[in-house]
C-alpha atoms as a PDB file:
ATOM      1  CA  MET A   1      14.062 -37.412   2.287  1.00  0.00           C
ATOM      2  CA  GLU A   2      13.126 -33.819   3.111  1.00  0.00           C
ATOM      3  CA  ASN A   3      10.445 -32.281   0.911  1.00  0.00           C
ATOM      4  CA  SER A   4      10.647 -28.814  -0.640  1.00  0.00           C
ATOM      5  CA  ALA A   5       8.373 -27.092   1.891  1.00  0.00           C
ATOM      6  CA  THR A   6      10.434 -28.467   4.798  1.00  0.00           C
ATOM      7  CA  ILE A   7      13.664 -27.224   3.211  1.00  0.00           C
ATOM      8  CA  ILE A   8      12.261 -23.696   2.718  1.00  0.00           C
ATOM      9  CA  HIS A   9      11.002 -23.558   6.285  1.00  0.00           C
ATOM     10  CA  GLN A  10      14.403 -24.616   7.588  1.00  0.00           C
ATOM     11  CA  LEU A  11      16.205 -22.042   5.481  1.00  0.00           C
ATOM     12  CA  ASP A  12      13.650 -19.427   6.397  1.00  0.00           C
ATOM     13  CA  ALA A  13      13.977 -19.788  10.166  1.00  0.00           C
ATOM     14  CA  THR A  14      16.027 -17.576  12.472  1.00  0.00           C
ATOM     15  CA  ASP A  15      18.957 -19.782  13.451  1.00  0.00           C
ATOM     16  CA  SER A  16      19.944 -20.083  17.097  1.00  0.00           C
ATOM     17  CA  GLU A  17      23.597 -20.247  16.004  1.00  0.00           C
ATOM     18  CA  MET A  18      23.486 -16.565  15.010  1.00  0.00           C
ATOM     19  CA  ASN A  19      25.427 -15.228  17.975  1.00  0.00           C
ATOM     20  CA  ARG A  20      28.092 -13.194  16.196  1.00  0.00           C
ATOM     21  CA  ASN A  21      27.444  -9.451  16.413  1.00  0.00           C
ATOM     22  CA  ASN A  22      28.734  -7.352  13.507  1.00  0.00           C
ATOM     23  CA  CYS A  23      26.864  -4.155  14.278  1.00  0.00           C
ATOM     24  CA  ASP A  24      30.028  -2.085  13.811  1.00  0.00           C
ATOM     25  CA  GLU A  25      30.687  -3.280  10.245  1.00  0.00           C
ATOM     26  CA  ALA A  26      29.997  -1.120   7.197  1.00  0.00           C
ATOM     27  CA  MET A  27      26.971  -1.885   5.038  1.00  0.00           C
ATOM     28  CA  PRO A  28      27.606  -3.896   1.847  1.00  0.00           C
ATOM     29  CA  ARG A  29      26.809  -2.189  -1.422  1.00  0.00           C
ATOM     30  CA  GLN A  30      25.483  -3.544  -4.704  1.00  0.00           C
ATOM     31  CA  THR A  31      27.866  -6.155  -6.134  1.00  0.00           C
ATOM     32  CA  ARG A  32      26.159  -7.033  -9.431  1.00  0.00           C
ATOM     33  CA  LYS A  33      24.544  -4.680 -11.930  1.00  0.00           C
ATOM     34  CA  ILE A  34      21.079  -5.658 -13.109  1.00  0.00           C
ATOM     35  CA  LYS A  35      20.653  -5.616 -16.879  1.00  0.00           C
ATOM     36  CA  PRO A  36      17.349  -5.377 -18.805  1.00  0.00           C
ATOM     37  CA  THR A  37      15.939  -8.784 -19.764  1.00  0.00           C
ATOM     38  CA  ARG A  38      13.157  -9.943 -22.062  1.00  0.00           C
ATOM     39  CA  ARG A  39      12.204 -12.802 -19.757  1.00  0.00           C
ATOM     40  CA  SER A  40      10.891 -10.638 -16.920  1.00  0.00           C
ATOM     41  CA  VAL A  41       9.999  -7.077 -15.993  1.00  0.00           C
ATOM     42  CA  SER A  42      13.009  -5.128 -14.760  1.00  0.00           C
ATOM     43  CA  GLY A  43      13.319  -1.529 -13.651  1.00  0.00           C
ATOM     44  CA  VAL A  44      14.303   0.805 -10.842  1.00  0.00           C
ATOM     45  CA  HIS A  45      12.272   1.601  -7.719  1.00  0.00           C
ATOM     46  CA  PRO A  46      12.777   5.081  -6.157  1.00  0.00           C
ATOM     47  CA  PHE A  47      13.020   3.878  -2.562  1.00  0.00           C
ATOM     48  CA  ARG A  48      11.643   6.697  -0.362  1.00  0.00           C
ATOM     49  CA  GLY A  49      13.003   9.189  -2.877  1.00  0.00           C
ATOM     50  CA  GLU A  50      16.454   8.636  -1.382  1.00  0.00           C
ATOM     51  CA  SER A  51      17.921   5.807  -3.471  1.00  0.00           C
ATOM     52  CA  SER A  52      17.194   3.968  -6.712  1.00  0.00           C
ATOM     53  CA  ILE A  53      16.939   0.205  -6.205  1.00  0.00           C
ATOM     54  CA  PRO A  54      16.929  -2.010  -9.325  1.00  0.00           C
ATOM     55  CA  PHE A  55      14.626  -5.032  -9.564  1.00  0.00           C
ATOM     56  CA  GLU A  56      14.439  -7.950 -11.988  1.00  0.00           C
ATOM     57  CA  SER A  57      10.787  -8.978 -11.679  1.00  0.00           C
ATOM     58  CA  THR A  58       7.394  -7.647 -10.631  1.00  0.00           C
ATOM     59  CA  LEU A  59       7.660  -9.787  -7.487  1.00  0.00           C
ATOM     60  CA  GLU A  60      10.927  -8.055  -6.526  1.00  0.00           C
ATOM     61  CA  ARG A  61       9.290  -4.690  -7.276  1.00  0.00           C
ATOM     62  CA  ASP A  62       6.371  -5.575  -4.981  1.00  0.00           C
ATOM     63  CA  PHE A  63       8.822  -6.663  -2.262  1.00  0.00           C
ATOM     64  CA  LEU A  64      10.449  -3.202  -2.406  1.00  0.00           C
ATOM     65  CA  LEU A  65       7.099  -1.386  -2.417  1.00  0.00           C
ATOM     66  CA  ARG A  66       5.999  -3.356   0.637  1.00  0.00           C
ATOM     67  CA  ALA A  67       9.307  -2.875   2.475  1.00  0.00           C
ATOM     68  CA  GLU A  68       9.273   0.869   1.818  1.00  0.00           C
ATOM     69  CA  PHE A  69       6.176   1.347   3.954  1.00  0.00           C
ATOM     70  CA  PHE A  70       7.660  -0.022   7.184  1.00  0.00           C
ATOM     71  CA  THR A  71       9.338   2.693   9.233  1.00  0.00           C
ATOM     72  CA  ASP A  72      11.549   0.181  11.075  1.00  0.00           C
ATOM     73  CA  ILE A  73      13.349  -0.674   7.814  1.00  0.00           C
ATOM     74  CA  LEU A  74      16.456   1.465   7.478  1.00  0.00           C
ATOM     75  CA  ASP A  75      17.664   0.510   4.025  1.00  0.00           C
ATOM     76  CA  VAL A  76      17.511  -2.160   1.331  1.00  0.00           C
ATOM     77  CA  ILE A  77      20.701  -3.063  -0.543  1.00  0.00           C
ATOM     78  CA  PRO A  78      20.242  -4.782  -3.947  1.00  0.00           C
ATOM     79  CA  GLN A  79      22.560  -7.616  -5.044  1.00  0.00           C
ATOM     80  CA  PRO A  80      24.536  -7.128  -1.799  1.00  0.00           C
ATOM     81  CA  VAL A  81      27.060  -9.991  -1.689  1.00  0.00           C
ATOM     82  CA  GLN A  82      28.585 -12.691  -3.894  1.00  0.00           C
ATOM     83  CA  ILE A  83      28.702 -16.102  -2.257  1.00  0.00           C
ATOM     84  CA  PRO A  84      30.756 -19.015  -3.647  1.00  0.00           C
ATOM     85  CA  PHE A  85      29.184 -22.480  -3.522  1.00  0.00           C
ATOM     86  CA  ILE A  86      29.546 -25.973  -4.965  1.00  0.00           C
ATOM     87  CA  GLY A  87      26.637 -27.082  -7.160  1.00  0.00           C
ATOM     88  CA  MET A  88      25.035 -30.516  -7.351  1.00  0.00           C
ATOM     89  CA  ASN A  89      27.420 -31.341 -10.211  1.00  0.00           C
ATOM     90  CA  GLY A  90      30.499 -30.614  -8.096  1.00  0.00           C
ATOM     91  CA  GLN A  91      31.374 -27.396  -9.966  1.00  0.00           C
ATOM     92  CA  SER A  92      32.034 -24.008  -8.346  1.00  0.00           C
ATOM     93  CA  TYR A  93      29.573 -21.138  -8.790  1.00  0.00           C
ATOM     94  CA  ILE A  94      28.853 -17.664  -7.430  1.00  0.00           C
ATOM     95  CA  TYR A  95      25.437 -16.841  -5.958  1.00  0.00           C
ATOM     96  CA  THR A  96      24.184 -13.274  -5.501  1.00  0.00           C
ATOM     97  CA  PRO A  97      21.045 -12.970  -3.327  1.00  0.00           C
ATOM     98  CA  ASP A  98      18.513 -10.313  -4.293  1.00  0.00           C
ATOM     99  CA  PHE A  99      18.482  -7.963  -1.284  1.00  0.00           C
ATOM    100  CA  LEU A 100      19.900  -7.224   2.134  1.00  0.00           C
ATOM    101  CA  VAL A 101      17.437  -5.486   4.465  1.00  0.00           C
ATOM    102  CA  TYR A 102      18.716  -3.369   7.363  1.00  0.00           C
ATOM    103  CA  TYR A 103      16.485  -2.449  10.292  1.00  0.00           C
ATOM    104  CA  LYS A 104      16.531   0.524  12.645  1.00  0.00           C
ATOM    105  CA  LEU A 105      17.691  -0.075  16.182  1.00  0.00           C
ATOM    106  CA  GLY A 106      14.563   1.495  17.663  1.00  0.00           C
ATOM    107  CA  GLY A 107      14.286   0.893  21.390  1.00  0.00           C
ATOM    108  CA  LYS A 108      16.412  -2.254  21.308  1.00  0.00           C
ATOM    109  CA  ASP A 109      19.811  -2.628  22.925  1.00  0.00           C
ATOM    110  CA  TYR A 110      22.689  -1.885  20.538  1.00  0.00           C
ATOM    111  CA  CYS A 111      24.241  -5.319  21.031  1.00  0.00           C
ATOM    112  CA  ASN A 112      20.864  -7.048  20.592  1.00  0.00           C
ATOM    113  CA  TYR A 113      20.000  -5.221  17.418  1.00  0.00           C
ATOM    114  CA  PRO A 114      17.478  -6.432  14.782  1.00  0.00           C
ATOM    115  CA  LYS A 115      19.528  -8.709  12.531  1.00  0.00           C
ATOM    116  CA  PRO A 116      19.846  -7.695   8.871  1.00  0.00           C
ATOM    117  CA  MET A 117      17.953 -10.024   6.537  1.00  0.00           C
ATOM    118  CA  LEU A 118      19.524 -11.487   3.391  1.00  0.00           C
ATOM    119  CA  VAL A 119      16.667 -12.138   0.965  1.00  0.00           C
ATOM    120  CA  GLU A 120      16.046 -14.276  -2.092  1.00  0.00           C
ATOM    121  CA  VAL A 121      12.781 -13.428  -3.878  1.00  0.00           C
ATOM    122  CA  LYS A 122      11.375 -16.369  -5.837  1.00  0.00           C
ATOM    123  CA  PRO A 123       7.890 -17.267  -7.100  1.00  0.00           C
ATOM    124  CA  GLU A 124       6.540 -20.339  -5.321  1.00  0.00           C
ATOM    125  CA  ALA A 125       6.138 -22.291  -8.548  1.00  0.00           C
ATOM    126  CA  ASP A 126       9.817 -21.718  -9.377  1.00  0.00           C
ATOM    127  CA  TRP A 127      11.308 -22.774  -6.039  1.00  0.00           C
ATOM    128  CA  ARG A 128       9.059 -25.797  -5.775  1.00  0.00           C
ATOM    129  CA  LYS A 129      10.210 -26.916  -9.248  1.00  0.00           C
ATOM    130  CA  ASN A 130      13.918 -26.189  -8.747  1.00  0.00           C
ATOM    131  CA  TRP A 131      14.534 -26.489  -5.000  1.00  0.00           C
ATOM    132  CA  ARG A 132      16.866 -29.479  -5.304  1.00  0.00           C
ATOM    133  CA  GLU A 133      19.062 -27.654  -7.794  1.00  0.00           C
ATOM    134  CA  TRP A 134      19.009 -24.396  -5.801  1.00  0.00           C
ATOM    135  CA  LEU A 135      19.462 -25.942  -2.363  1.00  0.00           C
ATOM    136  CA  PRO A 136      23.304 -25.825  -2.373  1.00  0.00           C
ATOM    137  CA  LYS A 137      23.407 -22.078  -2.994  1.00  0.00           C
ATOM    138  CA  TRP A 138      20.691 -21.406  -0.431  1.00  0.00           C
ATOM    139  CA  LYS A 139      22.550 -23.449   2.179  1.00  0.00           C
ATOM    140  CA  ALA A 140      25.708 -21.486   1.340  1.00  0.00           C
ATOM    141  CA  ALA A 141      23.742 -18.226   1.767  1.00  0.00           C
ATOM    142  CA  ARG A 142      22.430 -19.420   5.120  1.00  0.00           C
ATOM    143  CA  ARG A 143      25.940 -20.251   6.331  1.00  0.00           C
ATOM    144  CA  TYR A 144      27.236 -16.900   5.054  1.00  0.00           C
ATOM    145  CA  ALA A 145      24.397 -15.050   6.809  1.00  0.00           C
ATOM    146  CA  ILE A 146      25.099 -16.827  10.101  1.00  0.00           C
ATOM    147  CA  ALA A 147      28.780 -15.878   9.853  1.00  0.00           C
ATOM    148  CA  GLN A 148      27.828 -12.225   9.330  1.00  0.00           C
ATOM    149  CA  GLY A 149      25.252 -12.127  12.131  1.00  0.00           C
ATOM    150  CA  TRP A 150      22.384 -11.925   9.618  1.00  0.00           C
ATOM    151  CA  ILE A 151      19.409 -14.135   8.805  1.00  0.00           C
ATOM    152  CA  PHE A 152      18.536 -15.590   5.403  1.00  0.00           C
ATOM    153  CA  HIS A 153      15.006 -15.852   3.986  1.00  0.00           C
ATOM    154  CA  VAL A 154      13.549 -17.157   0.742  1.00  0.00           C
ATOM    155  CA  VAL A 155      10.312 -15.221   0.202  1.00  0.00           C
ATOM    156  CA  ASP A 156       7.604 -15.871  -2.374  1.00  0.00           C
ATOM    157  CA  GLU A 157       4.282 -14.227  -3.262  1.00  0.00           C
ATOM    158  CA  SER A 158       2.603 -15.627  -0.137  1.00  0.00           C
ATOM    159  CA  ARG A 159       4.821 -13.298   1.943  1.00  0.00           C
ATOM    160  CA  ILE A 160       4.752 -10.359  -0.437  1.00  0.00           C
ATOM    161  CA  ARG A 161       1.388 -10.121  -2.189  1.00  0.00           C
ATOM    162  CA  ASP A 162      -0.739 -10.034   0.934  1.00  0.00           C
ATOM    163  CA  LYS A 163      -3.111  -7.601   2.656  1.00  0.00           C
ATOM    164  CA  VAL A 164      -0.161  -5.368   3.518  1.00  0.00           C
ATOM    165  CA  LEU A 165       0.751  -4.886  -0.139  1.00  0.00           C
ATOM    166  CA  GLU A 166      -2.911  -4.395  -1.067  1.00  0.00           C
ATOM    167  CA  ASN A 167      -3.181  -1.571   1.495  1.00  0.00           C
ATOM    168  CA  VAL A 168       0.149  -0.034   0.492  1.00  0.00           C
ATOM    169  CA  ARG A 169      -0.997   0.056  -3.133  1.00  0.00           C
ATOM    170  CA  PHE A 170      -4.280   1.645  -2.052  1.00  0.00           C
ATOM    171  CA  LEU A 171      -2.433   4.387  -0.146  1.00  0.00           C
ATOM    172  CA  GLU A 172      -0.089   5.052  -3.082  1.00  0.00           C
ATOM    173  CA  ARG A 173      -2.815   7.047  -4.859  1.00  0.00           C
ATOM    174  CA  TYR A 174      -2.922   9.510  -1.928  1.00  0.00           C
ATOM    175  CA  LYS A 175       0.849   9.920  -1.617  1.00  0.00           C
ATOM    176  CA  ARG A 176       1.134  12.971  -3.870  1.00  0.00           C
ATOM    177  CA  MET A 177      -2.059  14.713  -2.745  1.00  0.00           C
ATOM    178  CA  SER A 178      -1.537  18.171  -1.303  1.00  0.00           C
ATOM    179  CA  PHE A 179      -3.343  19.567   1.742  1.00  0.00           C
ATOM    180  CA  ALA A 180      -2.890  22.654   3.895  1.00  0.00           C
ATOM    181  CA  PRO A 181       0.101  21.987   6.188  1.00  0.00           C
ATOM    182  CA  ALA A 182      -1.661  23.699   9.089  1.00  0.00           C
ATOM    183  CA  ASP A 183      -4.608  21.273   8.791  1.00  0.00           C
ATOM    184  CA  SER A 184      -2.220  18.326   8.758  1.00  0.00           C
ATOM    185  CA  GLU A 185      -0.468  19.553  11.895  1.00  0.00           C
ATOM    186  CA  VAL A 186      -3.778  19.856  13.742  1.00  0.00           C
ATOM    187  CA  VAL A 187      -4.657  16.234  12.924  1.00  0.00           C
ATOM    188  CA  VAL A 188      -1.210  14.954  13.860  1.00  0.00           C
ATOM    189  CA  SER A 189      -1.320  16.907  17.138  1.00  0.00           C
ATOM    190  CA  SER A 190      -4.699  15.357  17.999  1.00  0.00           C
ATOM    191  CA  VAL A 191      -3.334  11.853  17.465  1.00  0.00           C
ATOM    192  CA  GLN A 192      -0.214  12.708  19.450  1.00  0.00           C
ATOM    193  CA  GLU A 193      -2.286  13.917  22.384  1.00  0.00           C
ATOM    194  CA  MET A 194      -4.499  10.824  22.412  1.00  0.00           C
ATOM    195  CA  GLY A 195      -1.764   8.269  21.737  1.00  0.00           C
ATOM    196  CA  ALA A 196      -4.036   6.576  19.177  1.00  0.00           C
ATOM    197  CA  ALA A 197      -7.353   7.443  17.546  1.00  0.00           C
ATOM    198  CA  PRO A 198      -9.799   5.786  15.138  1.00  0.00           C
ATOM    199  CA  ILE A 199     -10.344   7.323  11.704  1.00  0.00           C
ATOM    200  CA  HIS A 200     -14.034   8.000  12.434  1.00  0.00           C
ATOM    201  CA  TYR A 201     -13.123  10.082  15.503  1.00  0.00           C
ATOM    202  CA  LEU A 202     -10.661  12.237  13.536  1.00  0.00           C
ATOM    203  CA  LEU A 203     -13.245  12.757  10.784  1.00  0.00           C
ATOM    204  CA  ALA A 204     -15.885  13.803  13.313  1.00  0.00           C
ATOM    205  CA  ARG A 205     -13.484  16.142  15.087  1.00  0.00           C
ATOM    206  CA  HIS A 206     -11.742  17.810  12.150  1.00  0.00           C
ATOM    207  CA  PHE A 207     -13.755  17.171   8.960  1.00  0.00           C
ATOM    208  CA  MET A 208     -17.456  17.502   9.653  1.00  0.00           C
ATOM    209  CA  GLY A 209     -20.251  17.701   7.094  1.00  0.00           C
ATOM    210  CA  MET A 210     -19.231  18.639   3.584  1.00  0.00           C
ATOM    211  CA  TYR A 211     -15.540  18.275   4.444  1.00  0.00           C
ATOM    212  CA  ARG A 212     -15.766  14.568   5.328  1.00  0.00           C
ATOM    213  CA  GLY A 213     -14.805  13.331   1.845  1.00  0.00           C
ATOM    214  CA  GLU A 214     -11.761  15.590   1.771  1.00  0.00           C
ATOM    215  CA  GLY A 215     -10.964  14.510   5.313  1.00  0.00           C
ATOM    216  CA  VAL A 216     -10.874  10.831   4.361  1.00  0.00           C
ATOM    217  CA  ALA A 217      -8.385  11.574   1.570  1.00  0.00           C
ATOM    218  CA  HIS A 218      -6.365  13.781   3.934  1.00  0.00           C
ATOM    219  CA  LEU A 219      -6.044  11.019   6.547  1.00  0.00           C
ATOM    220  CA  TRP A 220      -5.059   8.438   3.929  1.00  0.00           C
ATOM    221  CA  SER A 221      -2.430  10.860   2.635  1.00  0.00           C
ATOM    222  CA  LEU A 222      -0.982  11.249   6.149  1.00  0.00           C
ATOM    223  CA  LEU A 223      -0.725   7.479   6.385  1.00  0.00           C
ATOM    224  CA  ALA A 224       0.862   7.268   2.936  1.00  0.00           C
ATOM    225  CA  ALA A 225       3.383   9.983   3.852  1.00  0.00           C
ATOM    226  CA  ARG A 226       4.120   8.125   7.129  1.00  0.00           C
ATOM    227  CA  ARG A 227       3.015  11.062   9.283  1.00  0.00           C
ATOM    228  CA  LEU A 228       0.579   8.556  10.817  1.00  0.00           C
ATOM    229  CA  ASP A 229       0.867   4.806  11.289  1.00  0.00           C
ATOM    230  CA  CYS A 230      -1.538   1.881  11.669  1.00  0.00           C
ATOM    231  CA  ASP A 231      -1.695  -1.904  11.551  1.00  0.00           C
ATOM    232  CA  ILE A 232      -1.238  -2.090   7.793  1.00  0.00           C
ATOM    233  CA  SER A 233      -2.035  -5.822   7.787  1.00  0.00           C
ATOM    234  CA  GLN A 234      -5.683  -5.075   8.648  1.00  0.00           C
ATOM    235  CA  PRO A 235      -8.446  -3.613   6.419  1.00  0.00           C
ATOM    236  CA  LEU A 236      -8.353   0.179   6.095  1.00  0.00           C
ATOM    237  CA  ASN A 237     -11.681   1.734   7.049  1.00  0.00           C
ATOM    238  CA  GLU A 238     -13.234   4.229   9.471  1.00  0.00           C
ATOM    239  CA  PHE A 239     -12.478   1.933  12.423  1.00  0.00           C
ATOM    240  CA  THR A 240      -8.738   1.830  11.680  1.00  0.00           C
ATOM    241  CA  GLN A 241      -6.697   3.001  14.678  1.00  0.00           C
ATOM    242  CA  VAL A 242      -3.847   5.383  13.829  1.00  0.00           C
ATOM    243  CA  TRP A 243      -0.884   6.622  15.856  1.00  0.00           C
ATOM    244  CA  ILE A 244       2.387   8.493  15.432  1.00  0.00           C
ATOM    245  CA  PRO A 245       5.130   6.330  13.868  1.00  0.00           C
ATOM    246  CA  HIS A 246       8.083   5.440  16.040  1.00  0.00           C
ATOM    247  CA  ALA A 247      11.273   7.280  15.125  1.00  0.00           C
END
């Protein structure tokens, strides 16, 4: 008998059968409207100021906040598809996963593009308690994803509420700060010339003495605005290396 952790790991793996390429197909759109509920926190996240993505829990909200930071993520579609499946009781049901994540092509070959990711967001305590009941719909989602050339993941707080999210939340406070555009361009140009530079070097070069405190906030704001990039999974401090984000 397979245990719950084994099942999640199997569902969560990139399947070698995924050889169908649907890169010419149109993106799915939201298939189910999210309604307010008393059982959890629901709302709408303004994703990059370009779209409003509804969420049904704080964990889904944190997933969106985390995804928003990564420049290789093109778009996130909420409630993207409706998948029929047969439950443990033999009855027919419809399952709607939480999100579909699309990635930018970047420097990859068009026919070897980063596969879109169909996502179910679930707290660990919930999936461990209910995995037997939910397994049929997750297997159906995995089969559906394979057929579309996607991958399917079940993600819990261990993959969402990590150091990345902690850093993203830290940078959020600097997102709306305003600095002289000319000063920002000078910093960005310095990083561009060097390829990469540590925070302490940029502070010493552009924000000496009494301007150091303002300089720290300025550099964090450039990271928050995605003018600069870094390894967001590592602690943010004066030794953090920054570079220009890839287009």
